[in-house]
Amino acid sequence: MAERISWDLDPDRCFSPVPAQRDRGRDLYERVAGLPLVCPHGHVSPALLVDPEARLGSPADLFVIPDHYVFRMLYSQGVGLEELGLAGKRGAGERDHRRVWQLFAENFYLFRGTPTGLWLKDELITLFGIQEPLTGESAQRIYDQLEEKLASEEFRARALFERFGIEVLCTTDAATDDLEQHRLLQEDGLNVRPTFRPDALMNVAARDWMENLSRLSDLTGVEVRDYRSFIAALEERRRAFCRAGATASDHGVPSPHTERLSAREASELFERALEGEASDSDAARFSAHMLMEFARMSTEDHLVMQIHAGSLRNHNRALFDRFGPDMGADIPVRTEWTRSLRALLNDYGVEPGFRLIVYTLDESAYGRELAPLAGHYPCLRLGAPWWFFDSVKGMERYLDAVIETAGIYNLAGFNDDTRAFASIPARHDVWRRVTCNWLAGEVTRGLMDEADAAEAAVDLAYGQARRTYRLAEEGEGE
């Protein structure tokens, strides 16, 4: 057997090689490293935490199958998703999870230099105590170690929830979710909250739109037969989400364009959709109008409104046909915000109680449009670097682009935006290291006082997310 190579994490990862900045970055990081984790937006399923005895499954279940950051990279090198255990419309994927793990381990080198590689290494070393690199040769030894730990009490999902120091976890839930799992979690005292996401009801040209309307009617008791009853049913669902502890809504749209239709136009468009005659143009205009409507609803129920735009989703048609949505084929597109949000911001931008968080995959918009908008409109906050830019260099570019114009306190703080539960601490740790290093750079160049940097580090790691998403304790302020 080949000699095993030790494996460790550089304690100064993400910090500057310049000694003065690195030392200050370390000091700031020590202040925030142990703060609780506020997870205001993500895609972990509440089902994972409902059963107190629930385990996280196999190593493949934990690291590979749910994580599109992982399987999209392997797919790019010709590895089939079925080989990685993903079930497609033609049948189940590979059932032998040891084979899935072996394939993952043999290709682990593909993640060199990526944020995914950094997260995975942190998870394996910090969480599971793995002491040798993951390779094809070490794959089954490491699988055995992981399997043994995953079978133990301390690696049950709820035990890890506590071990991670998660103060609050917000999931992302379809508007037509019955929220039963959240009710059970509330009864058990877990601070897990739903987020209202009505995307499936906004796209009137989607093939399953009528099916989703029927589900909406069943859940609310409001028979959706026209535009007016549609709005009434949505408002009822938002009330149900608020009762379940939701503090935010989320809207994934190709474009952030907003446009107010007249009552007559909206009704006529909705009628065409009911008759199956809605065009792509109708769908785009209806989406733009519904963003206005959801903003109006947010002024009434105070759900924080999030817009994720700039992603051409499900770019790979063959993959979508075989596996459905969210298979790692979302590709950034150029996105315009200044004109697109003008209608919404003119109507609601200074409305008391309204808050809007925006996320983009078009980095060029940060300094050109989003930072100036957030630096003006009281309602607007900038979401953390998203998807492809949730990385060390992506975060650095984001901070450089927005803070001089928008300031630190028009940022929404961090969210992990993950489907991979075990990666949550590693993702927060990268953000905390990067922001501390960035603040240390400002201090080193004489642009910020050390006391101000120390306070800002805590706010970026913890306080801003709590306040922005209205997760802070009553009386703490926003």
Protein backbone atom coordinates (compact mmCIF):
# COMPACT_ATOMS: atom_id res chain seq x y z
CA MET A 1 0.00 0.00 0.00
CA ALA A 2 1.26 3.48 -0.88
CA GLU A 3 2.33 5.72 1.98
CA ARG A 4 -0.59 7.85 3.14
CA ILE A 5 -0.14 11.60 2.78
CA SER A 6 -1.35 13.80 5.61
CA TRP A 7 -4.09 16.23 4.76
CA ASP A 8 -4.85 19.50 6.47
CA LEU A 9 -6.34 22.97 6.04
CA ASP A 10 -4.15 26.06 5.90
CA PRO A 11 -5.13 28.14 8.96
CA ASP A 12 -4.47 31.29 6.92
CA ARG A 13 -6.61 30.32 3.94
CA CYS A 14 -8.39 33.27 2.33
CA PHE A 15 -6.05 35.74 4.05
CA SER A 16 -3.56 38.04 2.34
CA PRO A 17 0.10 36.99 2.05
CA VAL A 18 0.99 40.54 3.18
CA PRO A 19 1.89 40.13 6.88
CA ALA A 20 0.25 43.32 8.18
CA GLN A 21 -3.08 42.57 6.49
CA ARG A 22 -2.92 38.87 7.30
CA ASP A 23 -2.36 39.51 11.02
CA ARG A 24 -5.27 41.95 11.19
CA GLY A 25 -7.45 39.54 9.20
CA ARG A 26 -6.70 36.78 11.69
CA ASP A 27 -7.60 39.02 14.61
CA LEU A 28 -10.92 40.03 13.04
CA TYR A 29 -11.71 36.45 12.12
CA GLU A 30 -11.18 35.27 15.69
CA ARG A 31 -13.95 37.67 16.73
CA VAL A 32 -16.51 36.19 14.34
CA ALA A 33 -15.50 32.56 13.78
CA GLY A 34 -17.67 31.26 16.63
CA LEU A 35 -20.75 33.40 16.04
CA PRO A 36 -24.03 31.51 15.42
CA LEU A 37 -24.97 30.79 11.83
CA VAL A 38 -27.89 32.73 10.40
CA CYS A 39 -29.09 30.94 7.26
CA PRO A 40 -31.78 33.21 5.77
CA HIS A 41 -31.93 31.65 2.30
CA GLY A 42 -31.16 28.12 1.14
CA HIS A 43 -32.54 24.94 -0.32
CA VAL A 44 -32.12 22.34 2.42
CA SER A 45 -35.34 20.34 2.63
CA PRO A 46 -37.26 20.65 5.92
CA ALA A 47 -37.92 16.90 5.62
CA LEU A 48 -34.28 16.34 6.61
CA LEU A 49 -34.96 17.63 10.13
CA VAL A 50 -38.54 16.50 10.84
CA ASP A 51 -37.67 13.09 12.29
CA PRO A 52 -35.43 13.42 15.39
CA GLU A 53 -33.94 10.04 14.55
CA ALA A 54 -33.27 10.89 10.90
CA ARG A 55 -29.82 10.19 9.56
CA LEU A 56 -28.11 11.80 6.61
CA GLY A 57 -27.89 8.65 4.51
CA SER A 58 -24.77 7.40 2.80
CA PRO A 59 -21.66 9.46 1.99
CA ALA A 60 -22.96 9.69 -1.58
CA ASP A 61 -26.32 10.95 -0.30
CA LEU A 62 -24.54 13.63 1.67
CA PHE A 63 -21.78 14.83 -0.65
CA VAL A 64 -22.74 13.99 -4.24
CA ILE A 65 -26.36 13.33 -5.13
CA PRO A 66 -28.05 16.54 -3.84
CA ASP A 67 -25.29 18.99 -4.73
CA HIS A 68 -25.39 20.48 -8.22
CA TYR A 69 -22.08 22.25 -7.54
CA VAL A 70 -20.57 18.77 -7.37
CA PHE A 71 -22.30 16.86 -10.12
CA ARG A 72 -22.20 19.67 -12.72
CA MET A 73 -18.39 19.59 -12.60
CA LEU A 74 -18.27 15.83 -13.08
CA TYR A 75 -20.87 16.07 -15.84
CA SER A 76 -18.65 18.63 -17.62
CA GLN A 77 -15.97 15.93 -17.83
CA GLY A 78 -18.31 13.34 -19.31
CA VAL A 79 -19.55 11.58 -16.18
CA GLY A 80 -23.22 10.62 -16.54
CA LEU A 81 -25.61 11.81 -13.84
CA GLU A 82 -27.11 8.32 -13.59
CA GLU A 83 -23.63 7.06 -12.72
CA LEU A 84 -23.65 9.56 -9.84
CA GLY A 85 -26.87 8.17 -8.40
CA LEU A 86 -29.30 10.74 -9.78
CA ALA A 87 -32.67 9.38 -10.83
CA GLY A 88 -33.93 10.46 -14.23
CA LYS A 89 -37.26 10.07 -15.96
CA ARG A 90 -36.00 6.84 -17.53
CA GLY A 91 -35.43 5.21 -14.16
CA ALA A 92 -33.26 5.17 -11.06
CA GLY A 93 -29.63 6.12 -11.05
CA GLU A 94 -26.77 3.98 -9.74
CA ARG A 95 -28.01 2.28 -6.56
CA ASP A 96 -24.61 1.15 -5.28
CA HIS A 97 -23.44 4.21 -3.42
CA ARG A 98 -19.96 2.81 -2.99
CA ARG A 99 -19.61 2.90 -6.77
CA VAL A 100 -20.93 6.47 -6.82
CA TRP A 101 -18.38 7.43 -4.16
CA GLN A 102 -15.55 5.71 -6.00
CA LEU A 103 -16.36 7.65 -9.16
CA PHE A 104 -16.54 10.90 -7.18
CA ALA A 105 -13.21 10.20 -5.46
CA GLU A 106 -11.45 9.34 -8.71
CA ASN A 107 -12.53 12.72 -10.06
CA PHE A 108 -12.04 14.75 -6.90
CA TYR A 109 -9.00 16.44 -8.47
CA LEU A 110 -11.41 18.30 -10.78
CA PHE A 111 -12.32 20.59 -7.89
CA ARG A 112 -8.81 21.99 -7.48
CA GLY A 113 -8.94 25.78 -7.30
CA THR A 114 -12.75 25.90 -6.97
CA PRO A 115 -14.86 26.99 -4.01
CA THR A 116 -16.51 23.57 -4.07
CA GLY A 117 -13.12 21.95 -3.52
CA LEU A 118 -12.49 24.27 -0.58
CA TRP A 119 -15.89 23.50 1.00
CA LEU A 120 -15.55 19.75 0.48
CA LYS A 121 -12.07 19.63 1.97
CA ASP A 122 -13.27 21.61 4.98
CA GLU A 123 -16.24 19.27 5.47
CA LEU A 124 -14.13 16.13 5.24
CA ILE A 125 -11.42 17.38 7.60
CA THR A 126 -13.30 19.60 10.07
CA LEU A 127 -16.58 17.75 10.32
CA PHE A 128 -15.53 14.14 9.76
CA GLY A 129 -11.87 14.13 10.78
CA ILE A 130 -10.60 12.62 7.51
CA GLN A 131 -6.81 12.66 7.59
CA GLU A 132 -5.82 11.64 4.06
CA PRO A 133 -6.62 13.10 0.63
CA LEU A 134 -9.66 11.77 -1.18
CA THR A 135 -8.47 9.80 -4.23
CA GLY A 136 -9.49 6.69 -6.07
CA GLU A 137 -7.03 4.72 -3.93
CA SER A 138 -8.34 6.07 -0.61
CA ALA A 139 -12.01 6.17 -1.61
CA GLN A 140 -13.26 3.03 0.13
CA ARG A 141 -11.28 3.60 3.33
CA ILE A 142 -12.74 7.07 3.59
CA TYR A 143 -16.20 5.75 2.72
CA ASP A 144 -15.94 3.32 5.64
CA GLN A 145 -14.96 6.12 8.03
CA LEU A 146 -17.78 8.35 6.84
CA GLU A 147 -20.33 5.55 6.96
CA GLU A 148 -19.38 4.71 10.54
CA LYS A 149 -19.76 8.31 11.66
CA LEU A 150 -23.01 8.84 9.77
CA ALA A 151 -24.48 5.87 11.65
CA SER A 152 -23.72 7.45 15.03
CA GLU A 153 -25.96 9.61 17.22
CA GLU A 154 -23.85 12.75 16.90
CA PHE A 155 -24.21 12.75 13.11
CA ARG A 156 -27.97 12.73 13.02
CA ALA A 157 -29.38 15.73 11.21
CA ARG A 158 -30.72 17.46 14.31
CA ALA A 159 -27.51 16.85 16.24
CA LEU A 160 -25.54 18.52 13.45
CA PHE A 161 -28.04 21.40 13.37
CA GLU A 162 -27.03 22.11 16.97
CA ARG A 163 -23.34 21.35 16.45
CA PHE A 164 -23.18 23.78 13.52
CA GLY A 165 -24.55 26.52 15.76
CA ILE A 166 -27.44 27.30 13.43
CA GLU A 167 -29.56 30.03 14.99
CA VAL A 168 -32.15 29.98 12.21
CA LEU A 169 -32.51 28.07 8.95
CA CYS A 170 -34.84 29.33 6.23
CA THR A 171 -35.89 26.90 3.53
CA THR A 172 -37.30 27.70 0.08
CA ASP A 173 -40.79 26.34 -0.45
CA ALA A 174 -43.26 26.36 -3.32
CA ALA A 175 -46.30 28.53 -2.75
CA THR A 176 -48.31 25.31 -3.02
CA ASP A 177 -46.39 23.46 -0.29
CA ASP A 178 -48.74 22.43 2.53
CA LEU A 179 -46.13 23.45 5.18
CA GLU A 180 -46.91 20.38 7.30
CA GLN A 181 -43.22 19.65 7.85
CA HIS A 182 -42.69 23.19 9.08
CA ARG A 183 -45.59 22.80 11.50
CA LEU A 184 -43.94 19.70 12.97
CA LEU A 185 -40.58 21.47 13.25
CA GLN A 186 -42.21 24.40 15.02
CA GLU A 187 -43.85 22.03 17.49
CA ASP A 188 -40.41 20.60 18.27
CA GLY A 189 -38.96 24.06 18.82
CA LEU A 190 -36.56 24.13 15.86
CA ASN A 191 -36.08 27.56 14.34
CA VAL A 192 -36.65 26.45 10.75
CA ARG A 193 -38.75 28.84 8.68
CA PRO A 194 -40.32 28.58 5.24
CA THR A 195 -39.83 31.06 2.41
CA PHE A 196 -42.69 31.78 0.00
CA ARG A 197 -41.63 31.02 -3.59
CA PRO A 198 -44.43 31.35 -6.18
CA ASP A 199 -42.37 30.85 -9.36
CA ALA A 200 -44.45 27.91 -10.59
CA LEU A 201 -47.56 30.09 -10.47
CA MET A 202 -46.02 33.08 -12.27
CA ASN A 203 -45.12 31.38 -15.55
CA VAL A 204 -48.47 31.21 -17.33
CA ALA A 205 -46.87 29.51 -20.36
CA ALA A 206 -45.53 26.55 -18.34
CA ARG A 207 -46.99 23.14 -19.12
CA ASP A 208 -47.88 22.42 -15.50
CA TRP A 209 -49.34 25.86 -14.75
CA MET A 210 -52.96 24.67 -14.65
CA GLU A 211 -51.99 21.80 -12.36
CA ASN A 212 -50.36 24.28 -9.97
CA LEU A 213 -53.44 26.49 -10.07
CA SER A 214 -55.57 23.53 -9.07
CA ARG A 215 -53.25 22.81 -6.16
CA LEU A 216 -53.45 26.47 -5.11
CA SER A 217 -57.25 26.30 -5.12
CA ASP A 218 -57.26 23.11 -3.03
CA LEU A 219 -54.93 24.55 -0.40
CA THR A 220 -56.63 27.90 0.00
CA GLY A 221 -60.28 27.01 -0.52
CA VAL A 222 -60.38 29.84 -3.08
CA GLU A 223 -61.55 28.59 -6.47
CA VAL A 224 -59.15 30.18 -8.94
CA ARG A 225 -61.32 30.96 -11.93
CA ASP A 226 -60.05 34.43 -12.90
CA TYR A 227 -57.32 36.94 -12.16
CA ARG A 228 -59.05 38.40 -9.12
CA SER A 229 -59.47 35.00 -7.42
CA PHE A 230 -55.87 34.15 -8.34
CA ILE A 231 -54.61 37.18 -6.41
CA ALA A 232 -56.89 36.38 -3.48
CA ALA A 233 -55.56 32.81 -3.33
CA LEU A 234 -51.94 34.01 -3.40
CA GLU A 235 -52.62 36.44 -0.57
CA GLU A 236 -54.13 33.61 1.46
CA ARG A 237 -51.06 31.44 0.89
CA ARG A 238 -48.80 34.27 2.03
CA ARG A 239 -50.83 34.53 5.23
CA ALA A 240 -50.31 30.80 5.77
CA PHE A 241 -46.56 31.20 5.28
CA CYS A 242 -46.49 34.10 7.74
CA ARG A 243 -48.29 31.97 10.31
CA ALA A 244 -45.64 29.28 9.76
CA GLY A 245 -42.88 31.77 10.60
CA ALA A 246 -41.85 32.98 7.15
CA THR A 247 -40.16 36.36 6.97
CA ALA A 248 -39.36 36.40 3.24
CA SER A 249 -40.54 35.59 -0.25
CA ASP A 250 -38.29 34.60 -3.14
CA HIS A 251 -38.71 35.13 -6.88
CA GLY A 252 -36.46 33.50 -9.46
CA VAL A 253 -36.93 35.33 -12.76
CA PRO A 254 -34.96 35.45 -16.02
CA SER A 255 -35.29 39.24 -16.00
CA PRO A 256 -36.02 41.70 -13.16
CA HIS A 257 -38.24 43.75 -15.47
CA THR A 258 -41.25 45.23 -13.68
CA GLU A 259 -44.35 46.62 -15.33
CA ARG A 260 -47.80 47.51 -14.02
CA LEU A 261 -50.63 46.14 -16.17
CA SER A 262 -54.07 47.64 -15.94
CA ALA A 263 -56.71 45.53 -14.22
CA ARG A 264 -58.27 44.86 -17.61
CA GLU A 265 -54.96 43.84 -19.24
CA ALA A 266 -54.09 41.51 -16.36
CA SER A 267 -57.54 39.89 -16.46
CA GLU A 268 -57.48 39.40 -20.23
CA LEU A 269 -53.98 37.94 -20.14
CA PHE A 270 -55.00 35.58 -17.35
CA GLU A 271 -58.02 34.45 -19.37
CA ARG A 272 -55.80 33.61 -22.34
CA ALA A 273 -53.61 31.56 -20.03
CA LEU A 274 -56.61 29.65 -18.66
CA GLU A 275 -57.55 28.81 -22.25
CA GLY A 276 -54.00 27.60 -22.97
CA GLU A 277 -53.33 30.45 -25.38
CA ALA A 278 -50.71 32.46 -23.47
CA SER A 279 -47.66 33.36 -25.56
CA ASP A 280 -44.07 33.76 -24.38
CA SER A 281 -44.63 37.51 -24.57
CA ASP A 282 -47.70 37.14 -22.35
CA ALA A 283 -45.67 35.13 -19.86
CA ALA A 284 -42.92 37.79 -19.70
CA ARG A 285 -45.40 40.65 -19.21
CA PHE A 286 -47.34 38.70 -16.59
CA SER A 287 -44.14 37.96 -14.67
CA ALA A 288 -43.20 41.67 -14.76
CA HIS A 289 -46.66 42.59 -13.51
CA MET A 290 -46.65 39.96 -10.76
CA LEU A 291 -43.38 41.31 -9.37
CA MET A 292 -45.29 44.55 -8.87
CA GLU A 293 -48.14 42.69 -7.21
CA PHE A 294 -45.83 40.77 -4.89
CA ALA A 295 -44.12 44.02 -3.93
CA ARG A 296 -47.54 45.47 -3.11
CA MET A 297 -48.31 42.41 -0.97
CA SER A 298 -44.96 42.79 0.82
CA THR A 299 -45.90 46.33 1.86
CA GLU A 300 -48.91 44.79 3.61
CA ASP A 301 -47.56 41.57 5.16
CA HIS A 302 -43.90 42.73 5.45
CA LEU A 303 -42.39 39.61 3.91
CA VAL A 304 -38.92 40.59 2.70
CA MET A 305 -38.95 40.30 -1.09
CA GLN A 306 -36.01 38.62 -2.81
CA ILE A 307 -35.37 38.67 -6.56
CA HIS A 308 -32.84 36.28 -8.09
CA ALA A 309 -32.29 37.31 -11.72
CA GLY A 310 -29.75 36.87 -14.47
CA SER A 311 -29.83 33.10 -14.83
CA LEU A 312 -30.90 31.33 -17.99
CA ARG A 313 -32.15 28.23 -16.25
CA ASN A 314 -32.09 24.68 -17.59
CA HIS A 315 -29.88 25.64 -20.55
CA ASN A 316 -29.24 21.97 -21.39
CA ARG A 317 -32.50 20.79 -22.98
CA ALA A 318 -31.52 17.12 -23.12
CA LEU A 319 -30.62 17.13 -19.43
CA PHE A 320 -33.88 18.89 -18.56
CA ASP A 321 -35.88 16.33 -20.54
CA ARG A 322 -34.19 13.45 -18.71
CA PHE A 323 -33.86 14.84 -15.17
CA GLY A 324 -36.05 17.90 -14.85
CA PRO A 325 -34.99 21.31 -13.48
CA ASP A 326 -32.06 22.35 -11.28
CA MET A 327 -29.46 20.01 -12.70
CA GLY A 328 -26.58 22.48 -12.72
CA ALA A 329 -27.33 23.90 -16.17
CA ASP A 330 -28.13 27.45 -15.09
CA ILE A 331 -25.98 29.89 -17.07
CA PRO A 332 -25.51 33.63 -16.36
CA VAL A 333 -26.86 36.21 -18.80
CA ARG A 334 -26.43 39.97 -19.04
CA THR A 335 -29.04 41.65 -16.83
CA GLU A 336 -30.31 45.24 -16.78
CA TRP A 337 -31.60 46.57 -13.44
CA THR A 338 -31.86 50.36 -13.54
CA ARG A 339 -34.75 50.60 -16.00
CA SER A 340 -36.15 47.19 -15.08
CA LEU A 341 -36.76 48.02 -11.41
CA ARG A 342 -37.85 51.60 -11.99
CA ALA A 343 -41.59 50.89 -11.98
CA LEU A 344 -41.36 48.86 -8.77
CA LEU A 345 -39.05 51.30 -6.99
CA ASN A 346 -41.10 54.33 -8.03
CA ASP A 347 -44.21 52.73 -6.51
CA TYR A 348 -42.70 51.10 -3.42
CA GLY A 349 -39.06 52.17 -3.02
CA VAL A 350 -39.75 54.51 -0.13
CA GLU A 351 -42.78 52.65 1.25
CA PRO A 352 -42.40 52.07 5.03
CA GLY A 353 -42.03 48.37 5.80
CA PHE A 354 -41.06 47.31 2.28
CA ARG A 355 -37.71 45.59 1.81
CA LEU A 356 -36.22 44.22 -1.41
CA ILE A 357 -33.06 42.09 -1.70
CA VAL A 358 -31.63 41.58 -5.19
CA TYR A 359 -29.22 38.93 -6.46
CA THR A 360 -27.58 38.82 -9.86
CA LEU A 361 -25.34 36.56 -11.92
CA ASP A 362 -24.18 39.56 -13.96
CA GLU A 363 -21.17 40.87 -12.04
CA SER A 364 -20.91 43.89 -14.31
CA ALA A 365 -24.13 45.20 -12.75
CA TYR A 366 -22.68 45.42 -9.22
CA GLY A 367 -20.88 48.74 -9.50
CA ARG A 368 -22.69 50.10 -12.55
CA GLU A 369 -26.29 49.69 -11.35
CA LEU A 370 -26.96 47.78 -8.14
CA ALA A 371 -24.65 49.60 -5.74
CA PRO A 372 -25.94 53.04 -6.84
CA LEU A 373 -29.55 51.84 -6.55
CA ALA A 374 -28.98 50.36 -3.08
CA GLY A 375 -27.14 53.50 -2.06
CA HIS A 376 -30.26 55.52 -2.78
CA TYR A 377 -33.53 53.61 -2.25
CA PRO A 378 -34.34 52.92 1.42
CA CYS A 379 -35.95 49.58 0.62
CA LEU A 380 -33.08 48.04 -1.33
CA ARG A 381 -30.36 45.68 -0.08
CA LEU A 382 -27.77 43.79 -2.12
CA GLY A 383 -27.75 40.02 -1.72
CA ALA A 384 -24.51 38.13 -1.21
CA PRO A 385 -22.48 36.92 -4.22
CA TRP A 386 -24.62 34.21 -5.74
CA TRP A 387 -24.07 30.83 -7.44
CA PHE A 388 -20.91 31.14 -9.54
CA PHE A 389 -19.60 34.04 -7.47
CA ASP A 390 -20.01 32.40 -4.05
CA SER A 391 -16.24 32.02 -4.01
CA VAL A 392 -13.16 33.65 -2.53
CA LYS A 393 -12.38 35.83 -5.53
CA GLY A 394 -16.06 36.37 -6.33
CA MET A 395 -16.62 37.75 -2.82
CA GLU A 396 -13.55 39.97 -3.08
CA ARG A 397 -14.73 41.41 -6.41
CA TYR A 398 -18.20 41.98 -4.95
CA LEU A 399 -16.88 43.85 -1.89
CA ASP A 400 -14.60 45.97 -4.05
CA ALA A 401 -17.44 46.78 -6.45
CA VAL A 402 -20.23 47.71 -4.06
CA ILE A 403 -19.07 48.99 -0.67
CA GLU A 404 -17.64 52.33 -1.79
CA THR A 405 -21.03 53.23 -3.31
CA ALA A 406 -23.60 51.29 -1.29
CA GLY A 407 -21.74 50.98 2.01
CA ILE A 408 -21.65 47.94 4.26
CA TYR A 409 -25.09 48.51 5.74
CA ASN A 410 -26.95 48.28 2.44
CA LEU A 411 -25.70 44.71 2.05
CA ALA A 412 -27.89 41.79 3.14
CA GLY A 413 -25.09 39.85 4.82
CA PHE A 414 -24.45 36.23 3.88
CA ASN A 415 -26.58 33.24 3.03
CA ASP A 416 -25.32 29.82 2.05
CA ASP A 417 -27.94 29.13 -0.66
CA THR A 418 -27.16 25.42 -0.44
CA ARG A 419 -28.91 22.10 -0.91
CA ALA A 420 -25.98 20.31 0.76
CA PHE A 421 -26.68 20.48 4.51
CA ALA A 422 -23.17 19.50 5.64
CA SER A 423 -21.60 22.32 3.63
CA ILE A 424 -23.32 25.11 5.58
CA PRO A 425 -20.52 25.79 8.13
CA ALA A 426 -17.79 25.68 5.46
CA ARG A 427 -19.61 28.19 3.27
CA HIS A 428 -20.13 30.62 6.13
CA ASP A 429 -16.50 30.20 7.14
CA VAL A 430 -15.27 31.26 3.69
CA TRP A 431 -17.45 34.40 3.81
CA ARG A 432 -16.21 35.28 7.29
CA ARG A 433 -12.57 34.81 6.31
CA VAL A 434 -12.91 36.81 3.10
CA THR A 435 -14.79 39.72 4.68
CA CYS A 436 -12.33 39.87 7.58
CA ASN A 437 -9.42 39.86 5.16
CA TRP A 438 -11.07 42.61 3.09
CA LEU A 439 -11.70 44.76 6.15
CA ALA A 440 -8.12 44.16 7.29
CA GLY A 441 -6.96 45.50 3.94
CA GLU A 442 -8.96 48.67 4.49
CA VAL A 443 -7.38 49.12 7.94
CA THR A 444 -3.88 48.39 6.63
CA ARG A 445 -4.25 51.12 4.00
CA GLY A 446 -5.59 53.60 6.54
CA LEU A 447 -9.10 53.66 5.08
CA MET A 448 -10.87 52.30 8.16
CA ASP A 449 -10.26 52.33 11.89
CA GLU A 450 -9.62 49.02 13.65
CA ALA A 451 -12.62 49.49 15.95
CA ASP A 452 -14.91 50.15 12.97
CA ALA A 453 -13.54 47.09 11.15
CA ALA A 454 -14.16 44.90 14.20
CA GLU A 455 -17.78 46.03 14.38
CA ALA A 456 -18.28 45.66 10.63
CA ALA A 457 -16.86 42.12 10.72
CA VAL A 458 -19.55 41.05 13.21
CA ASP A 459 -22.26 42.77 11.17
CA LEU A 460 -21.19 41.13 7.91
CA ALA A 461 -20.90 37.70 9.55
CA TYR A 462 -24.07 37.84 11.62
CA GLY A 463 -25.93 41.08 12.26
CA GLN A 464 -26.77 42.19 8.74
CA ALA A 465 -28.49 38.93 7.77
CA ARG A 466 -30.56 38.93 10.97
CA ARG A 467 -31.68 42.52 10.50
CA THR A 468 -32.18 42.46 6.75
CA TYR A 469 -34.33 39.32 6.80
CA ARG A 470 -36.19 40.46 9.94
CA LEU A 471 -34.85 37.53 11.96
CA ALA A 472 -33.50 39.68 14.80
CA GLU A 473 -35.15 39.58 18.19
CA GLU A 474 -37.88 42.12 18.75
CA GLY A 475 -36.45 45.41 19.91
CA GLU A 476 -33.03 44.93 18.27
CA GLY A 477 -33.95 47.18 15.38
CA GLU A 478 -33.25 46.84 11.68
